[in-house]
Amino acid sequence: MKATVLDLRRRMREVLDALERKESVTISHRGKVKGVIYPKDAPPRKYASLAEHPAVGMWKDREDMKDVEQYVRQIRRGRGHAL
């Protein structure tokens, strides 16, 4: 089912009925999809493992991050060291 934010406000019973029928409800606001509501007992969605996520290892070639402890110390120093 597709619903708008206004539908959530004015026709919540229909949204709840769709969830009872095990349908997901796609919520939109001003024509853009903002989220999806799934029924409580819906089967879990399958995600790729974390190792396969494209963000993992994206900075592996950066030379300034080879020593992680040094990099974090540098970040946490603040602005006082520049004076």
PDB file of N, CA and C in Angstrom:
ATOM      1  N   MET A   1       0.848  -1.169   0.000  1.00  0.00           N
ATOM      2  CA  MET A   1       0.000   0.000   0.000  1.00  0.00           C
ATOM      3  C   MET A   1       0.891   1.228   0.000  1.00  0.00           C
ATOM      4  N   LYS A   2       0.445   2.271  -0.663  1.00  0.00           N
ATOM      5  CA  LYS A   2       1.139   3.544  -0.649  1.00  0.00           C
ATOM      6  C   LYS A   2       0.270   4.541   0.116  1.00  0.00           C
ATOM      7  N   ALA A   3       0.906   5.337   0.944  1.00  0.00           N
ATOM      8  CA  ALA A   3       0.174   6.319   1.736  1.00  0.00           C
ATOM      9  C   ALA A   3       1.026   7.581   1.870  1.00  0.00           C
ATOM     10  N   THR A   4       0.350   8.693   2.060  1.00  0.00           N
ATOM     11  CA  THR A   4       1.054   9.945   2.303  1.00  0.00           C
ATOM     12  C   THR A   4       1.012  10.233   3.803  1.00  0.00           C
ATOM     13  N   VAL A   5       1.733  11.249   4.204  1.00  0.00           N
ATOM     14  CA  VAL A   5       1.709  11.646   5.604  1.00  0.00           C
ATOM     15  C   VAL A   5       0.290  12.051   5.997  1.00  0.00           C
ATOM     16  N   LEU A   6      -0.412  12.684   5.088  1.00  0.00           N
ATOM     17  CA  LEU A   6      -1.796  13.081   5.364  1.00  0.00           C
ATOM     18  C   LEU A   6      -2.692  11.854   5.541  1.00  0.00           C
ATOM     19  N   ASP A   7      -2.423  10.791   4.776  1.00  0.00           N
ATOM     20  CA  ASP A   7      -3.189   9.550   4.939  1.00  0.00           C
ATOM     21  C   ASP A   7      -2.971   8.957   6.324  1.00  0.00           C
ATOM     22  N   LEU A   8      -1.755   9.054   6.829  1.00  0.00           N
ATOM     23  CA  LEU A   8      -1.496   8.554   8.180  1.00  0.00           C
ATOM     24  C   LEU A   8      -2.360   9.281   9.194  1.00  0.00           C
ATOM     25  N   ARG A   9      -2.579  10.521   8.947  1.00  0.00           N
ATOM     26  CA  ARG A   9      -3.363  11.331   9.879  1.00  0.00           C
ATOM     27  C   ARG A   9      -4.864  11.104   9.732  1.00  0.00           C
ATOM     28  N   ARG A  10      -5.337  11.043   8.510  1.00  0.00           N
ATOM     29  CA  ARG A  10      -6.782  10.993   8.274  1.00  0.00           C
ATOM     30  C   ARG A  10      -7.328   9.588   8.051  1.00  0.00           C
ATOM     31  N   ARG A  11      -6.492   8.652   7.590  1.00  0.00           N
ATOM     32  CA  ARG A  11      -6.988   7.313   7.259  1.00  0.00           C
ATOM     33  C   ARG A  11      -6.130   6.239   7.907  1.00  0.00           C
ATOM     34  N   MET A  12      -5.793   6.435   9.153  1.00  0.00           N
ATOM     35  CA  MET A  12      -4.932   5.491   9.862  1.00  0.00           C
ATOM     36  C   MET A  12      -5.547   4.095   9.919  1.00  0.00           C
ATOM     37  N   ARG A  13      -6.847   3.987  10.018  1.00  0.00           N
ATOM     38  CA  ARG A  13      -7.500   2.684  10.069  1.00  0.00           C
ATOM     39  C   ARG A  13      -7.168   1.874   8.825  1.00  0.00           C
ATOM     40  N   GLU A  14      -7.166   2.499   7.651  1.00  0.00           N
ATOM     41  CA  GLU A  14      -6.843   1.780   6.417  1.00  0.00           C
ATOM     42  C   GLU A  14      -5.382   1.325   6.409  1.00  0.00           C
ATOM     43  N   VAL A  15      -4.510   2.149   6.940  1.00  0.00           N
ATOM     44  CA  VAL A  15      -3.093   1.790   7.032  1.00  0.00           C
ATOM     45  C   VAL A  15      -2.936   0.591   7.966  1.00  0.00           C
ATOM     46  N   LEU A  16      -3.593   0.625   9.109  1.00  0.00           N
ATOM     47  CA  LEU A  16      -3.519  -0.492  10.057  1.00  0.00           C
ATOM     48  C   LEU A  16      -4.114  -1.770   9.467  1.00  0.00           C
ATOM     49  N   ASP A  17      -5.202  -1.631   8.701  1.00  0.00           N
ATOM     50  CA  ASP A  17      -5.801  -2.800   8.047  1.00  0.00           C
ATOM     51  C   ASP A  17      -4.820  -3.422   7.045  1.00  0.00           C
ATOM     52  N   ALA A  18      -4.092  -2.588   6.326  1.00  0.00           N
ATOM     53  CA  ALA A  18      -3.103  -3.100   5.373  1.00  0.00           C
ATOM     54  C   ALA A  18      -2.000  -3.847   6.115  1.00  0.00           C
ATOM     55  N   LEU A  19      -1.575  -3.340   7.243  1.00  0.00           N
ATOM     56  CA  LEU A  19      -0.553  -4.026   8.030  1.00  0.00           C
ATOM     57  C   LEU A  19      -1.075  -5.350   8.572  1.00  0.00           C
ATOM     58  N   GLU A  20      -2.342  -5.399   8.943  1.00  0.00           N
ATOM     59  CA  GLU A  20      -2.929  -6.659   9.411  1.00  0.00           C
ATOM     60  C   GLU A  20      -2.994  -7.689   8.286  1.00  0.00           C
ATOM     61  N   ARG A  21      -3.111  -7.215   7.041  1.00  0.00           N
ATOM     62  CA  ARG A  21      -3.114  -8.128   5.884  1.00  0.00           C
ATOM     63  C   ARG A  21      -1.694  -8.490   5.470  1.00  0.00           C
ATOM     64  N   LYS A  22      -0.712  -8.124   6.295  1.00  0.00           N
ATOM     65  CA  LYS A  22       0.708  -8.418   6.057  1.00  0.00           C
ATOM     66  C   LYS A  22       1.261  -7.670   4.844  1.00  0.00           C
ATOM     67  N   GLU A  23       0.704  -6.493   4.548  1.00  0.00           N
ATOM     68  CA  GLU A  23       1.218  -5.651   3.468  1.00  0.00           C
ATOM     69  C   GLU A  23       2.166  -4.613   4.052  1.00  0.00           C
ATOM     70  N   SER A  24       3.187  -4.247   3.312  1.00  0.00           N
ATOM     71  CA  SER A  24       4.030  -3.137   3.744  1.00  0.00           C
ATOM     72  C   SER A  24       3.377  -1.836   3.267  1.00  0.00           C
ATOM     73  N   VAL A  25       3.643  -0.760   3.977  1.00  0.00           N
ATOM     74  CA  VAL A  25       3.065   0.538   3.653  1.00  0.00           C
ATOM     75  C   VAL A  25       4.209   1.497   3.346  1.00  0.00           C
ATOM     76  N   THR A  26       4.208   2.037   2.137  1.00  0.00           N
ATOM     77  CA  THR A  26       5.216   3.003   1.722  1.00  0.00           C
ATOM     78  C   THR A  26       4.693   4.400   2.008  1.00  0.00           C
ATOM     79  N   ILE A  27       5.457   5.165   2.794  1.00  0.00           N
ATOM     80  CA  ILE A  27       5.038   6.511   3.203  1.00  0.00           C
ATOM     81  C   ILE A  27       5.768   7.542   2.357  1.00  0.00           C
ATOM     82  N   SER A  28       5.008   8.499   1.807  1.00  0.00           N
ATOM     83  CA  SER A  28       5.621   9.565   1.024  1.00  0.00           C
ATOM     84  C   SER A  28       5.187  10.918   1.565  1.00  0.00           C
ATOM     85  N   HIS A  29       6.023  11.903   1.302  1.00  0.00           N
ATOM     86  CA  HIS A  29       5.745  13.283   1.707  1.00  0.00           C
ATOM     87  C   HIS A  29       6.164  14.182   0.559  1.00  0.00           C
ATOM     88  N   ARG A  30       5.219  14.942   0.052  1.00  0.00           N
ATOM     89  CA  ARG A  30       5.456  15.837  -1.087  1.00  0.00           C
ATOM     90  C   ARG A  30       6.024  15.093  -2.287  1.00  0.00           C
ATOM     91  N   GLY A  31       5.518  13.893  -2.502  1.00  0.00           N
ATOM     92  CA  GLY A  31       5.886  13.116  -3.671  1.00  0.00           C
ATOM     93  C   GLY A  31       7.160  12.302  -3.557  1.00  0.00           C
ATOM     94  N   LYS A  32       7.860  12.400  -2.436  1.00  0.00           N
ATOM     95  CA  LYS A  32       9.095  11.651  -2.253  1.00  0.00           C
ATOM     96  C   LYS A  32       8.897  10.588  -1.172  1.00  0.00           C
ATOM     97  N   VAL A  33       9.379   9.385  -1.445  1.00  0.00           N
ATOM     98  CA  VAL A  33       9.255   8.294  -0.481  1.00  0.00           C
ATOM     99  C   VAL A  33      10.154   8.592   0.712  1.00  0.00           C
ATOM    100  N   LYS A  34       9.571   8.537   1.905  1.00  0.00           N
ATOM    101  CA  LYS A  34      10.315   8.821   3.135  1.00  0.00           C
ATOM    102  C   LYS A  34      10.600   7.571   3.949  1.00  0.00           C
ATOM    103  N   GLY A  35       9.822   6.511   3.760  1.00  0.00           N
ATOM    104  CA  GLY A  35      10.059   5.304   4.529  1.00  0.00           C
ATOM    105  C   GLY A  35       9.036   4.234   4.206  1.00  0.00           C
ATOM    106  N   VAL A  36       9.241   3.084   4.820  1.00  0.00           N
ATOM    107  CA  VAL A  36       8.354   1.942   4.631  1.00  0.00           C
ATOM    108  C   VAL A  36       8.045   1.364   6.002  1.00  0.00           C
ATOM    109  N   ILE A  37       6.778   1.074   6.246  1.00  0.00           N
ATOM    110  CA  ILE A  37       6.355   0.425   7.480  1.00  0.00           C
ATOM    111  C   ILE A  37       6.061  -1.034   7.136  1.00  0.00           C
ATOM    112  N   TYR A  38       6.693  -1.948   7.875  1.00  0.00           N
ATOM    113  CA  TYR A  38       6.496  -3.369   7.646  1.00  0.00           C
ATOM    114  C   TYR A  38       5.645  -3.951   8.759  1.00  0.00           C
ATOM    115  N   PRO A  39       4.862  -4.994   8.456  1.00  0.00           N
ATOM    116  CA  PRO A  39       4.108  -5.667   9.507  1.00  0.00           C
ATOM    117  C   PRO A  39       5.051  -6.263  10.546  1.00  0.00           C
ATOM    118  N   LYS A  40       4.570  -6.383  11.749  1.00  0.00           N
ATOM    119  CA  LYS A  40       5.385  -6.886  12.855  1.00  0.00           C
ATOM    120  C   LYS A  40       5.948  -8.274  12.578  1.00  0.00           C
ATOM    121  N   ASP A  41       5.167  -9.145  11.990  1.00  0.00           N
ATOM    122  CA  ASP A  41       5.581 -10.529  11.778  1.00  0.00           C
ATOM    123  C   ASP A  41       6.132 -10.779  10.381  1.00  0.00           C
ATOM    124  N   ALA A  42       6.539  -9.725   9.687  1.00  0.00           N
ATOM    125  CA  ALA A  42       7.085  -9.895   8.335  1.00  0.00           C
ATOM    126  C   ALA A  42       8.425 -10.623   8.417  1.00  0.00           C
ATOM    127  N   PRO A  43       8.725 -11.435   7.441  1.00  0.00           N
ATOM    128  CA  PRO A  43      10.030 -12.117   7.464  1.00  0.00           C
ATOM    129  C   PRO A  43      11.150 -11.081   7.382  1.00  0.00           C
ATOM    130  N   PRO A  44      12.261 -11.327   8.047  1.00  0.00           N
ATOM    131  CA  PRO A  44      13.350 -10.345   8.037  1.00  0.00           C
ATOM    132  C   PRO A  44      13.923 -10.174   6.631  1.00  0.00           C
ATOM    133  N   ARG A  45      14.273  -8.937   6.317  1.00  0.00           N
ATOM    134  CA  ARG A  45      14.886  -8.655   5.017  1.00  0.00           C
ATOM    135  C   ARG A  45      16.319  -9.146   5.028  1.00  0.00           C
ATOM    136  N   LYS A  46      16.772  -9.620   3.915  1.00  0.00           N
ATOM    137  CA  LYS A  46      18.135 -10.153   3.834  1.00  0.00           C
ATOM    138  C   LYS A  46      19.068  -9.061   3.325  1.00  0.00           C
ATOM    139  N   TYR A  47      20.077  -8.805   4.103  1.00  0.00           N
ATOM    140  CA  TYR A  47      21.084  -7.825   3.741  1.00  0.00           C
ATOM    141  C   TYR A  47      22.379  -8.558   3.397  1.00  0.00           C
ATOM    142  N   ALA A  48      23.190  -7.908   2.624  1.00  0.00           N
ATOM    143  CA  ALA A  48      24.520  -8.460   2.351  1.00  0.00           C
ATOM    144  C   ALA A  48      25.325  -8.393   3.637  1.00  0.00           C
ATOM    145  N   SER A  49      26.319  -9.230   3.746  1.00  0.00           N
ATOM    146  CA  SER A  49      27.137  -9.205   4.951  1.00  0.00           C
ATOM    147  C   SER A  49      27.908  -7.890   5.002  1.00  0.00           C
ATOM    148  N   LEU A  50      28.339  -7.536   6.181  1.00  0.00           N
ATOM    149  CA  LEU A  50      29.055  -6.276   6.362  1.00  0.00           C
ATOM    150  C   LEU A  50      30.327  -6.244   5.522  1.00  0.00           C
ATOM    151  N   ALA A  51      30.980  -7.362   5.373  1.00  0.00           N
ATOM    152  CA  ALA A  51      32.214  -7.409   4.588  1.00  0.00           C
ATOM    153  C   ALA A  51      31.977  -7.073   3.120  1.00  0.00           C
ATOM    154  N   GLU A  52      30.765  -7.296   2.631  1.00  0.00           N
ATOM    155  CA  GLU A  52      30.447  -7.018   1.235  1.00  0.00           C
ATOM    156  C   GLU A  52      29.935  -5.600   1.017  1.00  0.00           C
ATOM    157  N   HIS A  53      29.742  -4.845   2.092  1.00  0.00           N
ATOM    158  CA  HIS A  53      29.230  -3.481   1.963  1.00  0.00           C
ATOM    159  C   HIS A  53      30.281  -2.616   1.272  1.00  0.00           C
ATOM    160  N   PRO A  54      29.867  -1.757   0.330  1.00  0.00           N
ATOM    161  CA  PRO A  54      30.854  -0.967  -0.420  1.00  0.00           C
ATOM    162  C   PRO A  54      31.635   0.028   0.430  1.00  0.00           C
ATOM    163  N   ALA A  55      31.133   0.418   1.597  1.00  0.00           N
ATOM    164  CA  ALA A  55      31.838   1.392   2.430  1.00  0.00           C
ATOM    165  C   ALA A  55      33.000   0.760   3.199  1.00  0.00           C
ATOM    166  N   VAL A  56      32.989  -0.553   3.358  1.00  0.00           N
ATOM    167  CA  VAL A  56      34.055  -1.216   4.103  1.00  0.00           C
ATOM    168  C   VAL A  56      35.330  -1.192   3.268  1.00  0.00           C
ATOM    169  N   GLY A  57      36.371  -0.644   3.845  1.00  0.00           N
ATOM    170  CA  GLY A  57      37.663  -0.602   3.169  1.00  0.00           C
ATOM    171  C   GLY A  57      37.834   0.546   2.197  1.00  0.00           C
ATOM    172  N   MET A  58      36.937   1.526   2.218  1.00  0.00           N
ATOM    173  CA  MET A  58      37.039   2.605   1.236  1.00  0.00           C
ATOM    174  C   MET A  58      38.236   3.512   1.485  1.00  0.00           C
ATOM    175  N   TRP A  59      38.796   3.505   2.698  1.00  0.00           N
ATOM    176  CA  TRP A  59      39.955   4.330   2.999  1.00  0.00           C
ATOM    177  C   TRP A  59      41.211   3.492   3.204  1.00  0.00           C
ATOM    178  N   LYS A  60      41.215   2.273   2.753  1.00  0.00           N
ATOM    179  CA  LYS A  60      42.348   1.385   3.014  1.00  0.00           C
ATOM    180  C   LYS A  60      43.641   1.856   2.352  1.00  0.00           C
ATOM    181  N   ASP A  61      43.564   2.677   1.321  1.00  0.00           N
ATOM    182  CA  ASP A  61      44.755   3.134   0.623  1.00  0.00           C
ATOM    183  C   ASP A  61      45.274   4.476   1.136  1.00  0.00           C
ATOM    184  N   ARG A  62      44.647   5.050   2.135  1.00  0.00           N
ATOM    185  CA  ARG A  62      45.093   6.348   2.648  1.00  0.00           C
ATOM    186  C   ARG A  62      46.310   6.172   3.545  1.00  0.00           C
ATOM    187  N   GLU A  63      47.370   6.872   3.222  1.00  0.00           N
ATOM    188  CA  GLU A  63      48.616   6.769   3.977  1.00  0.00           C
ATOM    189  C   GLU A  63      48.490   7.368   5.378  1.00  0.00           C
ATOM    190  N   ASP A  64      47.685   8.445   5.534  1.00  0.00           N
ATOM    191  CA  ASP A  64      47.574   9.087   6.847  1.00  0.00           C
ATOM    192  C   ASP A  64      46.798   8.244   7.852  1.00  0.00           C
ATOM    193  N   MET A  65      46.145   7.185   7.413  1.00  0.00           N
ATOM    194  CA  MET A  65      45.378   6.328   8.314  1.00  0.00           C
ATOM    195  C   MET A  65      46.033   4.972   8.538  1.00  0.00           C
ATOM    196  N   LYS A  66      47.266   4.803   8.148  1.00  0.00           N
ATOM    197  CA  LYS A  66      47.946   3.519   8.364  1.00  0.00           C
ATOM    198  C   LYS A  66      48.097   3.227   9.854  1.00  0.00           C
ATOM    199  N   ASP A  67      48.456   4.257  10.638  1.00  0.00           N
ATOM    200  CA  ASP A  67      48.545   4.114  12.092  1.00  0.00           C
ATOM    201  C   ASP A  67      47.276   4.725  12.687  1.00  0.00           C
ATOM    202  N   VAL A  68      46.317   3.892  13.014  1.00  0.00           N
ATOM    203  CA  VAL A  68      45.005   4.358  13.465  1.00  0.00           C
ATOM    204  C   VAL A  68      45.107   5.138  14.767  1.00  0.00           C
ATOM    205  N   GLU A  69      45.907   4.673  15.717  1.00  0.00           N
ATOM    206  CA  GLU A  69      46.027   5.368  17.000  1.00  0.00           C
ATOM    207  C   GLU A  69      46.559   6.787  16.816  1.00  0.00           C
ATOM    208  N   GLN A  70      47.556   6.958  15.982  1.00  0.00           N
ATOM    209  CA  GLN A  70      48.122   8.274  15.713  1.00  0.00           C
ATOM    210  C   GLN A  70      47.081   9.170  15.044  1.00  0.00           C
ATOM    211  N   TYR A  71      46.329   8.613  14.120  1.00  0.00           N
ATOM    212  CA  TYR A  71      45.308   9.388  13.415  1.00  0.00           C
ATOM    213  C   TYR A  71      44.231   9.880  14.384  1.00  0.00           C
ATOM    214  N   VAL A  72      43.776   9.010  15.275  1.00  0.00           N
ATOM    215  CA  VAL A  72      42.742   9.397  16.239  1.00  0.00           C
ATOM    216  C   VAL A  72      43.290  10.436  17.212  1.00  0.00           C
ATOM    217  N   ARG A  73      44.536  10.270  17.675  1.00  0.00           N
ATOM    218  CA  ARG A  73      45.151  11.274  18.551  1.00  0.00           C
ATOM    219  C   ARG A  73      45.206  12.633  17.865  1.00  0.00           C
ATOM    220  N   GLN A  74      45.537  12.638  16.602  1.00  0.00           N
ATOM    221  CA  GLN A  74      45.615  13.886  15.850  1.00  0.00           C
ATOM    222  C   GLN A  74      44.233  14.544  15.737  1.00  0.00           C
ATOM    223  N   ILE A  75      43.212  13.753  15.510  1.00  0.00           N
ATOM    224  CA  ILE A  75      41.858  14.297  15.413  1.00  0.00           C
ATOM    225  C   ILE A  75      41.407  14.880  16.748  1.00  0.00           C
ATOM    226  N   ARG A  76      41.724  14.214  17.835  1.00  0.00           N
ATOM    227  CA  ARG A  76      41.260  14.626  19.165  1.00  0.00           C
ATOM    228  C   ARG A  76      42.063  15.767  19.757  1.00  0.00           C
ATOM    229  N   ARG A  77      43.141  16.164  19.136  1.00  0.00           N
ATOM    230  CA  ARG A  77      43.970  17.227  19.690  1.00  0.00           C
ATOM    231  C   ARG A  77      43.229  18.543  19.824  1.00  0.00           C
ATOM    232  N   GLY A  78      42.337  18.829  18.923  1.00  0.00           N
ATOM    233  CA  GLY A  78      41.637  20.101  18.971  1.00  0.00           C
ATOM    234  C   GLY A  78      42.432  21.190  18.293  1.00  0.00           C
ATOM    235  N   ARG A  79      42.005  22.444  18.495  1.00  0.00           N
ATOM    236  CA  ARG A  79      42.651  23.554  17.814  1.00  0.00           C
ATOM    237  C   ARG A  79      43.751  24.203  18.629  1.00  0.00           C
ATOM    238  N   GLY A  80      43.895  23.868  19.895  1.00  0.00           N
ATOM    239  CA  GLY A  80      44.872  24.497  20.764  1.00  0.00           C
ATOM    240  C   GLY A  80      46.303  24.263  20.345  1.00  0.00           C
ATOM    241  N   HIS A  81      46.576  23.174  19.645  1.00  0.00           N
ATOM    242  CA  HIS A  81      47.949  22.867  19.245  1.00  0.00           C
ATOM    243  C   HIS A  81      48.451  23.775  18.128  1.00  0.00           C
ATOM    244  N   ALA A  82      47.570  24.453  17.430  1.00  0.00           N
ATOM    245  CA  ALA A  82      47.962  25.281  16.290  1.00  0.00           C
ATOM    246  C   ALA A  82      48.509  26.641  16.723  1.00  0.00           C
ATOM    247  N   LEU A  83      48.339  27.015  17.987  1.00  0.00           N
ATOM    248  CA  LEU A  83      48.788  28.335  18.436  1.00  0.00           C
ATOM    249  C   LEU A  83      50.240  28.423  18.695  1.00  0.00           C
TER     250      LEU A  83
END
